[in-house]
Amino acid sequence: MAQKDLIEKIRRLKNEKNAVILAHNYQRPEIFGVADFIGDSYGLSKKAIETNADFIVFCGVNFMAESAYILNPEKTVLIPTKLAKCPMAAMVDVSSLRELEAQYPDAAVVSYVNTTADIKAESDVCCTSSNAVKVVNSLEENEVIFVPDANLAKYVMKHSDKRIIPWKGWCYVHNKFTPAGLIQARKLHPNAKVLVHPECTLNVIDLADEVCSTTGMINSVKNSQAKKFIIATEVGLIERLRLEMPEKVFYQAPPGGTCLQMKKNNLRLVLDALEKEQFKVTVPENVRVRARKALDRMLDVDLRLEPAQTG
């Protein structure tokens, strides 16, 4: 089926079934054309709460669809393919986390939203890439177990007096960016502003003009007088930036990065999800309730302190 026909059929089914399509910033650009909302994982899940849709089709990876269900259990949450699984989220498991907790009984557990529902349920609070520092610093505990991203944990260390115990996880996309790559990019594009995601290593972060979540990057570009930008995050965000701000120029920081799992979603699979109402994402109620508390506590931190963009 031609792309135009796929898009028309998806839009028709959305109306017929009262469905909403959520697309993460790292999705294929053609999916942006059928999405009702485009953004980061937690921001999209909050958007879903605001809709009266019966079906939520989440074009992202597994933990994102789980978060949508955790926050919207009365709605049917679908993911276009079961193969879209985040490797970093899979780097932490409940039994190993409990073993670490036993070693640090006084530590709070902070889980990045890039974790599965069962890990969120084990956590005291969740965080996003942009509010991680704020969430950690809001805690009464002086020790914090931070899962799963060691790079984000080390970034938090730079901005907190608390003792951070990082999990040894990483995003294979953001781990590819190097200081040499950024230095090369600056030489090639000396007038470009460098935006780096906090999932990158510290030696890359230290070379940035600004450290931002995906949503933060979009807002930074919109509000900046600069015309050229070097972007150190997954290439899908650059596709979105070019669509929304064609008057500005964007360069991928070498060596670049593509999340293969994110790209496993496509228009054909979105159509299949709507037509066949597959693949349904659910979370056991005892896990969902505990995970919801961790997410709600994160939101409470944002409400009590200055607003933050999700990441």
C-alpha atoms as a PDB file:
ATOM      1  CA  MET A   1       0.000   0.000   0.000  1.00  0.00           C
ATOM      2  CA  ALA A   2       1.342   3.451  -0.914  1.00  0.00           C
ATOM      3  CA  GLN A   3       2.323   5.759   1.935  1.00  0.00           C
ATOM      4  CA  LYS A   4      -0.443   8.222   1.053  1.00  0.00           C
ATOM      5  CA  ASP A   5      -3.052   5.455   1.247  1.00  0.00           C
ATOM      6  CA  LEU A   6      -1.662   4.197   4.547  1.00  0.00           C
ATOM      7  CA  ILE A   7      -1.892   7.681   6.046  1.00  0.00           C
ATOM      8  CA  GLU A   8      -5.468   8.184   4.844  1.00  0.00           C
ATOM      9  CA  LYS A   9      -6.568   4.811   6.204  1.00  0.00           C
ATOM     10  CA  ILE A  10      -4.881   5.407   9.559  1.00  0.00           C
ATOM     11  CA  ARG A  11      -6.559   8.797   9.907  1.00  0.00           C
ATOM     12  CA  ARG A  12      -9.949   7.304   9.080  1.00  0.00           C
ATOM     13  CA  LEU A  13      -9.543   4.479  11.596  1.00  0.00           C
ATOM     14  CA  LYS A  14      -8.427   6.939  14.271  1.00  0.00           C
ATOM     15  CA  ASN A  15     -11.735   8.764  13.931  1.00  0.00           C
ATOM     16  CA  GLU A  16     -13.818   5.595  13.746  1.00  0.00           C
ATOM     17  CA  LYS A  17     -12.235   4.044  16.831  1.00  0.00           C
ATOM     18  CA  ASN A  18     -11.716   7.225  18.844  1.00  0.00           C
ATOM     19  CA  ALA A  19      -7.984   6.574  18.932  1.00  0.00           C
ATOM     20  CA  VAL A  20      -5.027   8.834  19.587  1.00  0.00           C
ATOM     21  CA  ILE A  21      -1.534   8.230  18.191  1.00  0.00           C
ATOM     22  CA  LEU A  22       1.441   9.252  20.302  1.00  0.00           C
ATOM     23  CA  ALA A  23       4.840   9.431  18.603  1.00  0.00           C
ATOM     24  CA  HIS A  24       8.152   9.795  20.364  1.00  0.00           C
ATOM     25  CA  ASN A  25      10.655  12.318  19.032  1.00  0.00           C
ATOM     26  CA  TYR A  26      12.855   9.478  17.736  1.00  0.00           C
ATOM     27  CA  GLN A  27      10.239   7.936  15.448  1.00  0.00           C
ATOM     28  CA  ARG A  28      10.399   7.734  11.661  1.00  0.00           C
ATOM     29  CA  PRO A  29       9.360  11.117  10.186  1.00  0.00           C
ATOM     30  CA  GLU A  30       6.425   9.589   8.268  1.00  0.00           C
ATOM     31  CA  ILE A  31       4.862   8.600  11.599  1.00  0.00           C
ATOM     32  CA  PHE A  32       4.898  12.248  12.629  1.00  0.00           C
ATOM     33  CA  GLY A  33       2.348  12.787   9.841  1.00  0.00           C
ATOM     34  CA  VAL A  34      -0.307  10.642  11.551  1.00  0.00           C
ATOM     35  CA  ALA A  35       0.544  11.496  15.170  1.00  0.00           C
ATOM     36  CA  ASP A  36      -1.784  13.522  17.342  1.00  0.00           C
ATOM     37  CA  PHE A  37       1.044  14.358  19.711  1.00  0.00           C
ATOM     38  CA  ILE A  38       4.837  14.220  19.277  1.00  0.00           C
ATOM     39  CA  GLY A  39       7.181  14.467  22.218  1.00  0.00           C
ATOM     40  CA  ASP A  40       9.098  12.638  24.945  1.00  0.00           C
ATOM     41  CA  SER A  41       7.815   9.521  26.685  1.00  0.00           C
ATOM     42  CA  TYR A  42       6.449  10.936  29.932  1.00  0.00           C
ATOM     43  CA  GLY A  43       5.107  14.084  28.302  1.00  0.00           C
ATOM     44  CA  LEU A  44       3.203  11.940  25.804  1.00  0.00           C
ATOM     45  CA  SER A  45       1.737   9.791  28.563  1.00  0.00           C
ATOM     46  CA  LYS A  46       0.511  12.913  30.326  1.00  0.00           C
ATOM     47  CA  LYS A  47      -1.015  14.086  27.043  1.00  0.00           C
ATOM     48  CA  ALA A  48      -2.906  10.807  26.861  1.00  0.00           C
ATOM     49  CA  ILE A  49      -4.538  11.560  30.213  1.00  0.00           C
ATOM     50  CA  GLU A  50      -5.963  14.751  28.746  1.00  0.00           C
ATOM     51  CA  THR A  51      -7.658  13.013  25.821  1.00  0.00           C
ATOM     52  CA  ASN A  52     -11.021  11.243  25.742  1.00  0.00           C
ATOM     53  CA  ALA A  53      -9.634   8.558  23.420  1.00  0.00           C
ATOM     54  CA  ASP A  54     -10.600   4.915  23.885  1.00  0.00           C
ATOM     55  CA  PHE A  55      -7.404   3.661  22.217  1.00  0.00           C
ATOM     56  CA  ILE A  56      -3.843   4.893  22.626  1.00  0.00           C
ATOM     57  CA  VAL A  57      -1.372   3.790  19.939  1.00  0.00           C
ATOM     58  CA  PHE A  58       2.093   4.480  21.317  1.00  0.00           C
ATOM     59  CA  CYS A  59       4.790   4.723  18.651  1.00  0.00           C
ATOM     60  CA  GLY A  60       7.847   4.287  20.807  1.00  0.00           C
ATOM     61  CA  VAL A  61       9.438   1.478  22.799  1.00  0.00           C
ATOM     62  CA  ASN A  62       8.003  -0.867  25.413  1.00  0.00           C
ATOM     63  CA  PHE A  63       8.549   1.137  28.601  1.00  0.00           C
ATOM     64  CA  MET A  64       6.818   4.150  27.047  1.00  0.00           C
ATOM     65  CA  ALA A  65       3.660   2.201  26.267  1.00  0.00           C
ATOM     66  CA  GLU A  66       3.777   0.774  29.800  1.00  0.00           C
ATOM     67  CA  SER A  67       3.927   4.281  31.253  1.00  0.00           C
ATOM     68  CA  ALA A  68       0.907   5.262  29.168  1.00  0.00           C
ATOM     69  CA  TYR A  69      -1.007   2.316  30.623  1.00  0.00           C
ATOM     70  CA  ILE A  70       0.176   3.036  34.178  1.00  0.00           C
ATOM     71  CA  LEU A  71      -1.292   6.530  33.880  1.00  0.00           C
ATOM     72  CA  ASN A  72      -4.337   5.502  31.800  1.00  0.00           C
ATOM     73  CA  PRO A  73      -5.478   2.011  32.894  1.00  0.00           C
ATOM     74  CA  GLU A  74      -9.027   2.595  31.719  1.00  0.00           C
ATOM     75  CA  LYS A  75      -7.862   2.997  28.120  1.00  0.00           C
ATOM     76  CA  THR A  76      -6.616   0.379  25.664  1.00  0.00           C
ATOM     77  CA  VAL A  77      -2.917   0.961  25.001  1.00  0.00           C
ATOM     78  CA  LEU A  78      -1.445  -0.547  21.820  1.00  0.00           C
ATOM     79  CA  ILE A  79       2.139  -0.726  20.583  1.00  0.00           C
ATOM     80  CA  PRO A  80       2.653  -1.332  16.837  1.00  0.00           C
ATOM     81  CA  THR A  81       5.359  -3.976  17.351  1.00  0.00           C
ATOM     82  CA  LYS A  82       6.479  -6.102  20.281  1.00  0.00           C
ATOM     83  CA  LEU A  83      10.047  -5.869  18.979  1.00  0.00           C
ATOM     84  CA  ALA A  84      10.414  -2.213  20.008  1.00  0.00           C
ATOM     85  CA  LYS A  85      12.228  -2.819  23.290  1.00  0.00           C
ATOM     86  CA  CYS A  86      14.690  -0.428  24.916  1.00  0.00           C
ATOM     87  CA  PRO A  87      18.066  -2.127  25.582  1.00  0.00           C
ATOM     88  CA  MET A  88      18.910   0.271  28.409  1.00  0.00           C
ATOM     89  CA  ALA A  89      15.635  -0.427  30.202  1.00  0.00           C
ATOM     90  CA  ALA A  90      16.485  -4.140  29.980  1.00  0.00           C
ATOM     91  CA  MET A  91      19.823  -3.578  31.738  1.00  0.00           C
ATOM     92  CA  VAL A  92      18.227  -3.511  35.202  1.00  0.00           C
ATOM     93  CA  ASP A  93      16.133  -6.250  36.807  1.00  0.00           C
ATOM     94  CA  VAL A  94      14.222  -6.402  40.081  1.00  0.00           C
ATOM     95  CA  SER A  95      16.301  -9.074  41.833  1.00  0.00           C
ATOM     96  CA  SER A  96      19.605  -7.313  41.115  1.00  0.00           C
ATOM     97  CA  LEU A  97      18.153  -3.963  42.174  1.00  0.00           C
ATOM     98  CA  ARG A  98      16.980  -5.465  45.463  1.00  0.00           C
ATOM     99  CA  GLU A  99      20.464  -6.837  46.058  1.00  0.00           C
ATOM    100  CA  LEU A 100      21.896  -3.344  45.634  1.00  0.00           C
ATOM    101  CA  GLU A 101      19.227  -1.916  47.926  1.00  0.00           C
ATOM    102  CA  ALA A 102      20.296  -4.404  50.599  1.00  0.00           C
ATOM    103  CA  GLN A 103      23.841  -3.027  50.354  1.00  0.00           C
ATOM    104  CA  TYR A 104      22.579   0.558  50.755  1.00  0.00           C
ATOM    105  CA  PRO A 105      19.509   0.286  53.021  1.00  0.00           C
ATOM    106  CA  ASP A 106      19.342   4.035  53.665  1.00  0.00           C
ATOM    107  CA  ALA A 107      19.383   4.993  49.988  1.00  0.00           C
ATOM    108  CA  ALA A 108      16.390   6.193  48.007  1.00  0.00           C
ATOM    109  CA  VAL A 109      15.839   4.554  44.631  1.00  0.00           C
ATOM    110  CA  VAL A 110      15.425   6.946  41.715  1.00  0.00           C
ATOM    111  CA  SER A 111      14.528   5.389  38.393  1.00  0.00           C
ATOM    112  CA  TYR A 112      14.785   7.162  35.081  1.00  0.00           C
ATOM    113  CA  VAL A 113      11.499   6.944  33.170  1.00  0.00           C
ATOM    114  CA  ASN A 114      13.463   4.808  30.691  1.00  0.00           C
ATOM    115  CA  THR A 115      12.755   1.745  32.832  1.00  0.00           C
ATOM    116  CA  THR A 116      10.166  -1.021  32.779  1.00  0.00           C
ATOM    117  CA  ALA A 117       7.088  -0.927  34.996  1.00  0.00           C
ATOM    118  CA  ASP A 118       8.432  -3.444  37.514  1.00  0.00           C
ATOM    119  CA  ILE A 119      11.508  -1.271  38.125  1.00  0.00           C
ATOM    120  CA  LYS A 120       9.361   1.834  38.541  1.00  0.00           C
ATOM    121  CA  ALA A 121       7.325  -0.124  41.091  1.00  0.00           C
ATOM    122  CA  GLU A 122      10.528  -0.788  43.093  1.00  0.00           C
ATOM    123  CA  SER A 123      11.440   2.902  43.063  1.00  0.00           C
ATOM    124  CA  ASP A 124      10.784   5.729  45.463  1.00  0.00           C
ATOM    125  CA  VAL A 125      10.461   8.235  42.640  1.00  0.00           C
ATOM    126  CA  CYS A 126      10.991   8.487  38.876  1.00  0.00           C
ATOM    127  CA  CYS A 127      12.757  11.240  36.988  1.00  0.00           C
ATOM    128  CA  THR A 128      13.211  12.496  33.448  1.00  0.00           C
ATOM    129  CA  SER A 129      16.438  13.574  31.803  1.00  0.00           C
ATOM    130  CA  SER A 130      15.650  17.244  32.443  1.00  0.00           C
ATOM    131  CA  ASN A 131      14.392  17.031  36.023  1.00  0.00           C
ATOM    132  CA  ALA A 132      16.767  14.337  37.335  1.00  0.00           C
ATOM    133  CA  VAL A 133      18.886  16.841  39.275  1.00  0.00           C
ATOM    134  CA  LYS A 134      15.829  18.506  40.749  1.00  0.00           C
ATOM    135  CA  VAL A 135      14.236  15.197  41.765  1.00  0.00           C
ATOM    136  CA  VAL A 136      17.420  13.908  43.418  1.00  0.00           C
ATOM    137  CA  ASN A 137      18.013  17.139  45.293  1.00  0.00           C
ATOM    138  CA  SER A 138      14.416  17.147  46.547  1.00  0.00           C
ATOM    139  CA  LEU A 139      14.903  13.894  48.460  1.00  0.00           C
ATOM    140  CA  GLU A 140      15.495  13.743  52.214  1.00  0.00           C
ATOM    141  CA  GLU A 141      17.888  10.811  51.839  1.00  0.00           C
ATOM    142  CA  ASN A 142      21.587  11.563  51.447  1.00  0.00           C
ATOM    143  CA  GLU A 143      22.224   8.435  49.391  1.00  0.00           C
ATOM    144  CA  VAL A 144      20.544   7.685  46.069  1.00  0.00           C
ATOM    145  CA  ILE A 145      20.576   4.550  43.946  1.00  0.00           C
ATOM    146  CA  PHE A 146      20.106   5.804  40.385  1.00  0.00           C
ATOM    147  CA  VAL A 147      18.969   3.391  37.660  1.00  0.00           C
ATOM    148  CA  PRO A 148      19.623   2.502  34.904  1.00  0.00           C
ATOM    149  CA  ASP A 149      21.705   5.135  33.076  1.00  0.00           C
ATOM    150  CA  ALA A 150      25.198   5.644  34.530  1.00  0.00           C
ATOM    151  CA  ASN A 151      25.844   8.656  32.293  1.00  0.00           C
ATOM    152  CA  LEU A 152      22.764  10.489  33.534  1.00  0.00           C
ATOM    153  CA  ALA A 153      23.690   9.509  37.095  1.00  0.00           C
ATOM    154  CA  LYS A 154      27.160  11.030  36.655  1.00  0.00           C
ATOM    155  CA  TYR A 155      25.601  14.194  35.244  1.00  0.00           C
ATOM    156  CA  VAL A 156      23.424  14.400  38.372  1.00  0.00           C
ATOM    157  CA  MET A 157      26.538  13.936  40.548  1.00  0.00           C
ATOM    158  CA  LYS A 158      27.965  17.156  39.127  1.00  0.00           C
ATOM    159  CA  HIS A 159      24.925  19.066  40.363  1.00  0.00           C
ATOM    160  CA  SER A 160      24.180  17.396  43.678  1.00  0.00           C
ATOM    161  CA  ASP A 161      25.846  17.003  47.082  1.00  0.00           C
ATOM    162  CA  LYS A 162      24.191  13.627  47.594  1.00  0.00           C
ATOM    163  CA  ARG A 163      26.024  10.335  47.275  1.00  0.00           C
ATOM    164  CA  ILE A 164      24.888   8.793  44.007  1.00  0.00           C
ATOM    165  CA  ILE A 165      25.188   5.035  43.485  1.00  0.00           C
ATOM    166  CA  PRO A 166      24.870   4.604  39.700  1.00  0.00           C
ATOM    167  CA  TRP A 167      23.631   1.500  37.954  1.00  0.00           C
ATOM    168  CA  LYS A 168      25.883   0.308  35.129  1.00  0.00           C
ATOM    169  CA  GLY A 169      23.471   0.905  32.273  1.00  0.00           C
ATOM    170  CA  TRP A 170      23.784   3.068  29.182  1.00  0.00           C
ATOM    171  CA  CYS A 171      22.041   4.151  25.998  1.00  0.00           C
ATOM    172  CA  TYR A 172      23.970   2.699  23.069  1.00  0.00           C
ATOM    173  CA  VAL A 173      22.958   5.660  20.892  1.00  0.00           C
ATOM    174  CA  HIS A 174      24.175   8.415  23.209  1.00  0.00           C
ATOM    175  CA  ASN A 175      27.244   6.451  24.250  1.00  0.00           C
ATOM    176  CA  LYS A 176      28.526   6.679  20.666  1.00  0.00           C
ATOM    177  CA  PHE A 177      29.078  10.439  20.783  1.00  0.00           C
ATOM    178  CA  THR A 178      32.684  11.390  21.498  1.00  0.00           C
ATOM    179  CA  PRO A 179      34.646  14.540  22.369  1.00  0.00           C
ATOM    180  CA  ALA A 180      36.617  14.128  19.129  1.00  0.00           C
ATOM    181  CA  GLY A 181      33.364  14.087  17.165  1.00  0.00           C
ATOM    182  CA  LEU A 182      32.106  17.296  18.780  1.00  0.00           C
ATOM    183  CA  ILE A 183      35.441  19.030  18.317  1.00  0.00           C
ATOM    184  CA  GLN A 184      35.397  18.056  14.639  1.00  0.00           C
ATOM    185  CA  ALA A 185      31.813  19.314  14.281  1.00  0.00           C
ATOM    186  CA  ARG A 186      32.700  22.659  15.858  1.00  0.00           C
ATOM    187  CA  LYS A 187      35.596  23.093  13.416  1.00  0.00           C
ATOM    188  CA  LEU A 188      33.310  22.367  10.472  1.00  0.00           C
ATOM    189  CA  HIS A 189      30.456  24.540  11.795  1.00  0.00           C
ATOM    190  CA  PRO A 190      32.039  27.204  14.041  1.00  0.00           C
ATOM    191  CA  ASN A 191      28.885  29.314  14.264  1.00  0.00           C
ATOM    192  CA  ALA A 192      26.627  26.428  15.329  1.00  0.00           C
ATOM    193  CA  LYS A 193      25.309  26.033  18.872  1.00  0.00           C
ATOM    194  CA  VAL A 194      26.004  22.601  20.383  1.00  0.00           C
ATOM    195  CA  LEU A 195      23.109  20.854  22.166  1.00  0.00           C
ATOM    196  CA  VAL A 196      23.874  17.600  23.984  1.00  0.00           C
ATOM    197  CA  HIS A 197      21.587  15.089  25.680  1.00  0.00           C
ATOM    198  CA  PRO A 198      22.492  14.226  29.313  1.00  0.00           C
ATOM    199  CA  GLU A 199      22.595  10.504  28.430  1.00  0.00           C
ATOM    200  CA  CYS A 200      25.947  11.273  26.767  1.00  0.00           C
ATOM    201  CA  THR A 201      29.227  10.762  28.607  1.00  0.00           C
ATOM    202  CA  LEU A 202      30.539  13.594  30.788  1.00  0.00           C
ATOM    203  CA  ASN A 203      33.483  14.358  28.497  1.00  0.00           C
ATOM    204  CA  VAL A 204      30.954  15.021  25.711  1.00  0.00           C
ATOM    205  CA  ILE A 205      28.607  16.987  27.976  1.00  0.00           C
ATOM    206  CA  ASP A 206      31.493  19.231  29.031  1.00  0.00           C
ATOM    207  CA  LEU A 207      31.866  20.423  25.415  1.00  0.00           C
ATOM    208  CA  ALA A 208      28.209  21.431  25.033  1.00  0.00           C
ATOM    209  CA  ASP A 209      26.773  24.919  24.892  1.00  0.00           C
ATOM    210  CA  GLU A 210      23.647  23.512  26.457  1.00  0.00           C
ATOM    211  CA  VAL A 211      22.616  20.161  27.974  1.00  0.00           C
ATOM    212  CA  CYS A 212      18.981  19.374  27.148  1.00  0.00           C
ATOM    213  CA  SER A 213      16.351  16.695  27.078  1.00  0.00           C
ATOM    214  CA  THR A 214      14.709  16.151  23.696  1.00  0.00           C
ATOM    215  CA  THR A 215      11.892  18.525  24.603  1.00  0.00           C
ATOM    216  CA  GLY A 216      14.450  20.939  25.973  1.00  0.00           C
ATOM    217  CA  MET A 217      16.352  20.882  22.683  1.00  0.00           C
ATOM    218  CA  ILE A 218      13.225  21.747  20.736  1.00  0.00           C
ATOM    219  CA  ASN A 219      12.422  24.654  23.048  1.00  0.00           C
ATOM    220  CA  SER A 220      16.032  25.845  23.043  1.00  0.00           C
ATOM    221  CA  VAL A 221      16.119  25.965  19.235  1.00  0.00           C
ATOM    222  CA  LYS A 222      12.771  27.780  19.095  1.00  0.00           C
ATOM    223  CA  ASN A 223      13.926  30.424  21.562  1.00  0.00           C
ATOM    224  CA  SER A 224      17.481  30.826  20.249  1.00  0.00           C
ATOM    225  CA  GLN A 225      18.718  33.565  17.952  1.00  0.00           C
ATOM    226  CA  ALA A 226      21.220  31.070  16.542  1.00  0.00           C
ATOM    227  CA  LYS A 227      20.567  29.747  13.035  1.00  0.00           C
ATOM    228  CA  LYS A 228      22.756  26.646  13.103  1.00  0.00           C
ATOM    229  CA  PHE A 229      22.842  23.791  15.618  1.00  0.00           C
ATOM    230  CA  ILE A 230      24.912  20.690  16.232  1.00  0.00           C
ATOM    231  CA  ILE A 231      22.680  18.064  17.845  1.00  0.00           C
ATOM    232  CA  ALA A 232      24.006  15.167  19.947  1.00  0.00           C
ATOM    233  CA  THR A 233      21.028  12.863  20.305  1.00  0.00           C
ATOM    234  CA  GLU A 234      19.133  10.296  18.226  1.00  0.00           C
ATOM    235  CA  VAL A 235      18.708  11.332  14.593  1.00  0.00           C
ATOM    236  CA  GLY A 236      14.908  11.251  14.770  1.00  0.00           C
ATOM    237  CA  LEU A 237      14.882  14.486  16.743  1.00  0.00           C
ATOM    238  CA  ILE A 238      16.784  16.213  13.957  1.00  0.00           C
ATOM    239  CA  GLU A 239      14.115  15.063  11.492  1.00  0.00           C
ATOM    240  CA  ARG A 240      11.486  16.696  13.681  1.00  0.00           C
ATOM    241  CA  LEU A 241      13.518  19.886  14.098  1.00  0.00           C
ATOM    242  CA  ARG A 242      13.930  20.186  10.321  1.00  0.00           C
ATOM    243  CA  LEU A 243      10.194  19.677   9.784  1.00  0.00           C
ATOM    244  CA  GLU A 244       9.198  22.284  12.361  1.00  0.00           C
ATOM    245  CA  MET A 245      11.949  24.850  11.783  1.00  0.00           C
ATOM    246  CA  PRO A 246      13.064  24.619   8.143  1.00  0.00           C
ATOM    247  CA  GLU A 247      14.572  28.097   8.327  1.00  0.00           C
ATOM    248  CA  LYS A 248      17.291  26.785  10.666  1.00  0.00           C
ATOM    249  CA  VAL A 249      20.129  24.361   9.926  1.00  0.00           C
ATOM    250  CA  PHE A 250      20.833  21.216  11.937  1.00  0.00           C
ATOM    251  CA  TYR A 251      23.908  19.006  11.924  1.00  0.00           C
ATOM    252  CA  GLN A 252      24.131  15.572  13.512  1.00  0.00           C
ATOM    253  CA  ALA A 253      27.110  15.362  15.842  1.00  0.00           C
ATOM    254  CA  PRO A 254      29.443  12.650  14.526  1.00  0.00           C
ATOM    255  CA  PRO A 255      29.398   9.701  14.525  1.00  0.00           C
ATOM    256  CA  GLY A 256      25.621  10.112  14.721  1.00  0.00           C
ATOM    257  CA  GLY A 257      23.169   7.765  16.339  1.00  0.00           C
ATOM    258  CA  THR A 258      20.077   5.798  15.365  1.00  0.00           C
ATOM    259  CA  CYS A 259      17.874   3.863  17.779  1.00  0.00           C
ATOM    260  CA  LEU A 260      17.053   0.739  15.804  1.00  0.00           C
ATOM    261  CA  GLN A 261      14.339  -0.216  18.266  1.00  0.00           C
ATOM    262  CA  MET A 262      12.490   3.078  17.791  1.00  0.00           C
ATOM    263  CA  LYS A 263      12.652   2.667  14.029  1.00  0.00           C
ATOM    264  CA  LYS A 264      10.929  -0.734  14.201  1.00  0.00           C
ATOM    265  CA  ASN A 265       7.602   1.104  14.202  1.00  0.00           C
ATOM    266  CA  ASN A 266       6.272   2.025  10.763  1.00  0.00           C
ATOM    267  CA  LEU A 267       3.017   3.130   9.133  1.00  0.00           C
ATOM    268  CA  ARG A 268       2.024  -0.404   8.111  1.00  0.00           C
ATOM    269  CA  LEU A 269       2.352  -1.589  11.713  1.00  0.00           C
ATOM    270  CA  VAL A 270       0.440   1.419  13.015  1.00  0.00           C
ATOM    271  CA  LEU A 271      -2.394   0.528  10.643  1.00  0.00           C
ATOM    272  CA  ASP A 272      -2.285  -3.111  11.769  1.00  0.00           C
ATOM    273  CA  ALA A 273      -2.455  -2.016  15.399  1.00  0.00           C
ATOM    274  CA  LEU A 274      -5.587  -0.005  14.733  1.00  0.00           C
ATOM    275  CA  GLU A 275      -7.275  -2.558  12.482  1.00  0.00           C
ATOM    276  CA  LYS A 276      -6.563  -5.616  14.646  1.00  0.00           C
ATOM    277  CA  GLU A 277      -6.356  -3.789  17.985  1.00  0.00           C
ATOM    278  CA  GLN A 278      -2.908  -5.300  18.586  1.00  0.00           C
ATOM    279  CA  PHE A 279      -0.587  -5.441  20.535  1.00  0.00           C
ATOM    280  CA  LYS A 280      -2.210  -4.580  23.857  1.00  0.00           C
ATOM    281  CA  VAL A 281       0.065  -3.341  26.628  1.00  0.00           C
ATOM    282  CA  THR A 282      -0.967  -3.974  30.226  1.00  0.00           C
ATOM    283  CA  VAL A 283       0.723  -3.992  33.627  1.00  0.00           C
ATOM    284  CA  PRO A 284      -0.355  -6.167  36.606  1.00  0.00           C
ATOM    285  CA  GLU A 285      -2.416  -4.012  38.946  1.00  0.00           C
ATOM    286  CA  ASN A 286      -0.155  -4.476  41.974  1.00  0.00           C
ATOM    287  CA  VAL A 287       2.808  -3.319  39.862  1.00  0.00           C
ATOM    288  CA  ARG A 288       0.867  -0.526  38.177  1.00  0.00           C
ATOM    289  CA  VAL A 289      -0.267   1.051  41.460  1.00  0.00           C
ATOM    290  CA  ARG A 290       3.256   1.123  42.883  1.00  0.00           C
ATOM    291  CA  ALA A 291       4.752   2.404  39.640  1.00  0.00           C
ATOM    292  CA  ARG A 292       2.085   5.106  39.495  1.00  0.00           C
ATOM    293  CA  LYS A 293       3.153   6.329  42.936  1.00  0.00           C
ATOM    294  CA  ALA A 294       6.741   6.764  41.724  1.00  0.00           C
ATOM    295  CA  LEU A 295       5.568   8.689  38.653  1.00  0.00           C
ATOM    296  CA  ASP A 296       3.147  10.806  40.686  1.00  0.00           C
ATOM    297  CA  ARG A 297       5.868  11.661  43.177  1.00  0.00           C
ATOM    298  CA  MET A 298       8.006  12.914  40.311  1.00  0.00           C
ATOM    299  CA  LEU A 299       5.142  15.074  39.100  1.00  0.00           C
ATOM    300  CA  ASP A 300       4.659  16.394  42.629  1.00  0.00           C
ATOM    301  CA  VAL A 301       8.301  17.514  42.694  1.00  0.00           C
ATOM    302  CA  ASP A 302       7.713  19.429  39.462  1.00  0.00           C
ATOM    303  CA  LEU A 303       4.594  21.065  40.909  1.00  0.00           C
ATOM    304  CA  ARG A 304       6.268  22.017  44.188  1.00  0.00           C
ATOM    305  CA  LEU A 305       9.363  23.426  42.540  1.00  0.00           C
ATOM    306  CA  GLU A 306       9.776  25.373  39.308  1.00  0.00           C
ATOM    307  CA  PRO A 307       8.275  23.727  36.188  1.00  0.00           C
ATOM    308  CA  ALA A 308      10.503  21.322  34.247  1.00  0.00           C
ATOM    309  CA  GLN A 309      10.331  19.891  30.763  1.00  0.00           C
ATOM    310  CA  THR A 310      10.212  16.140  30.569  1.00  0.00           C
ATOM    311  CA  GLY A 311      12.910  14.206  28.801  1.00  0.00           C
END
